[in-house]
Amino acid sequence: GILHISQALLLIVTHYVFVHHNVAVFTYGTWETRIHISYFFQFILHFRDHSNFVTCICCASDGSKFIIVSSDKKGLTYDGKIGDKIGSISTEGGQIRSIYAVSWSLDSKHVIFY
């Protein structure tokens, strides 16, 4: 998809998910991943916590949090309302080369990734 940020800047969106009410998370970029938290399509938060491609974003079913996984072997969990980082998982040292996908359990307490 394409998200028009301003008259001078046009970006290719690679991942997009609604998290809570009118809050949405966008990722875009190549090797440098940028993640934006959007409220009514006005960017309110921008962070670069992954060092490689984002592969999946998944929102918990209750909307309280979301997780972003990447080919840098990390999964980072954020608060669904304000976007603060609240946790992380890592497969560093394991036999996984990347994390390709992630999903929450129905009770929003656990994640499974591969």
Protein backbone atom coordinates (compact mmCIF):
# COMPACT_ATOMS: atom_id res chain seq x y z
CA GLY A 1 0.00 0.00 0.00
CA ILE A 2 0.95 3.64 -0.27
CA LEU A 3 0.52 6.13 2.57
CA HIS A 4 0.70 9.79 1.71
CA ILE A 5 2.46 11.53 4.61
CA SER A 6 2.84 15.02 3.16
CA GLN A 7 2.99 16.70 -0.23
CA ALA A 8 6.75 16.04 -0.45
CA LEU A 9 7.03 12.55 1.02
CA LEU A 10 5.54 9.36 -0.37
CA LEU A 11 6.35 6.07 1.37
CA ILE A 12 5.70 2.42 0.63
CA VAL A 13 3.96 0.82 3.61
CA THR A 14 5.11 -2.76 4.23
CA HIS A 15 2.90 -3.63 7.24
CA TYR A 16 -0.22 -2.05 8.68
CA VAL A 17 -2.51 -3.01 11.56
CA PHE A 18 -5.23 -1.32 13.61
CA VAL A 19 -4.45 -1.80 17.29
CA HIS A 20 -6.92 0.08 19.43
CA HIS A 21 -9.88 2.21 18.25
CA ASN A 22 -8.30 4.73 15.87
CA VAL A 23 -4.68 3.79 16.59
CA ALA A 24 -2.78 2.11 13.78
CA VAL A 25 0.79 0.86 13.37
CA PHE A 26 2.64 1.25 10.07
CA THR A 27 6.06 -0.04 9.06
CA TYR A 28 7.94 1.01 5.99
CA GLY A 29 11.47 1.02 4.74
CA THR A 30 14.16 -1.24 3.43
CA TRP A 31 17.03 -2.15 5.75
CA GLU A 32 16.13 0.68 8.10
CA THR A 33 12.67 -0.05 9.45
CA ARG A 34 10.61 2.83 10.75
CA ILE A 35 7.51 2.22 12.80
CA HIS A 36 4.84 4.86 13.32
CA ILE A 37 1.94 4.92 15.71
CA SER A 38 -0.88 6.84 14.10
CA TYR A 39 -3.98 8.42 15.61
CA PHE A 40 -6.47 9.57 12.98
CA PHE A 41 -3.58 9.34 10.49
CA GLN A 42 -1.50 11.91 12.40
CA PHE A 43 1.80 10.33 13.42
CA ILE A 44 2.28 10.49 17.17
CA LEU A 45 5.25 8.17 17.71
CA HIS A 46 8.20 7.05 15.63
CA PHE A 47 10.80 4.49 16.65
CA ARG A 48 13.47 2.26 15.11
CA ASP A 49 13.87 -0.68 17.47
CA HIS A 50 14.57 -3.39 14.88
CA SER A 51 17.84 -3.74 13.01
CA ASN A 52 16.43 -5.66 10.04
CA PHE A 53 13.18 -6.15 8.10
CA VAL A 54 9.93 -6.29 10.05
CA THR A 55 8.19 -9.51 9.02
CA CYS A 56 4.91 -9.39 10.97
CA ILE A 57 2.81 -7.23 13.28
CA CYS A 58 0.07 -8.78 15.40
CA CYS A 59 -2.39 -7.11 17.73
CA ALA A 60 -3.67 -8.88 20.86
CA SER A 61 -7.37 -9.70 20.62
CA ASP A 62 -8.21 -7.31 23.48
CA GLY A 63 -6.30 -4.44 21.82
CA SER A 64 -4.13 -3.85 24.88
CA LYS A 65 -0.83 -4.59 23.16
CA PHE A 66 0.80 -5.53 19.90
CA ILE A 67 3.99 -7.34 18.94
CA ILE A 68 6.33 -6.67 16.05
CA VAL A 69 8.71 -9.42 14.91
CA SER A 70 11.64 -9.09 12.58
CA SER A 71 14.32 -10.92 10.68
CA ASP A 72 16.73 -9.62 13.35
CA LYS A 73 15.47 -12.53 15.54
CA LYS A 74 13.60 -10.24 17.96
CA GLY A 75 9.99 -9.72 18.92
CA LEU A 76 9.10 -6.48 20.68
CA THR A 77 5.84 -5.93 22.56
CA TYR A 78 4.25 -2.48 22.84
CA ASP A 79 1.32 -0.97 24.71
CA GLY A 80 -1.66 -0.76 22.36
CA LYS A 81 -2.85 2.68 23.46
CA ILE A 82 0.31 4.75 23.81
CA GLY A 83 3.00 2.69 22.08
CA ASP A 84 5.47 2.27 24.95
CA LYS A 85 7.70 -0.80 24.73
CA ILE A 86 6.62 -3.27 27.43
CA GLY A 87 8.55 -6.44 26.61
CA SER A 88 10.76 -8.37 24.25
CA ILE A 89 11.62 -11.88 23.11
CA SER A 90 14.76 -13.01 21.35
CA THR A 91 15.80 -16.15 19.51
CA GLU A 92 19.45 -15.11 19.50
CA GLY A 93 21.64 -18.17 19.96
CA GLY A 94 18.85 -20.48 18.82
CA GLN A 95 18.53 -22.27 15.53
CA ILE A 96 16.09 -19.76 14.03
CA ARG A 97 17.45 -17.46 11.31
CA SER A 98 14.49 -15.07 11.38
CA ILE A 99 11.08 -14.73 12.95
CA TYR A 100 8.60 -14.80 10.07
CA ALA A 101 5.20 -14.65 11.75
CA VAL A 102 3.61 -14.22 15.16
CA SER A 103 0.18 -14.72 16.71
CA TRP A 104 -1.38 -14.09 20.13
CA SER A 105 -3.26 -16.66 22.18
CA LEU A 106 -6.99 -16.01 22.58
CA ASP A 107 -6.50 -14.71 26.13
CA SER A 108 -3.77 -12.27 24.91
CA LYS A 109 -1.23 -13.64 27.40
CA HIS A 110 1.08 -15.67 25.14
CA VAL A 111 2.55 -15.47 21.65
CA ILE A 112 3.67 -18.15 19.25
CA PHE A 113 6.14 -17.39 16.50
CA TYR A 114 8.00 -19.20 13.75
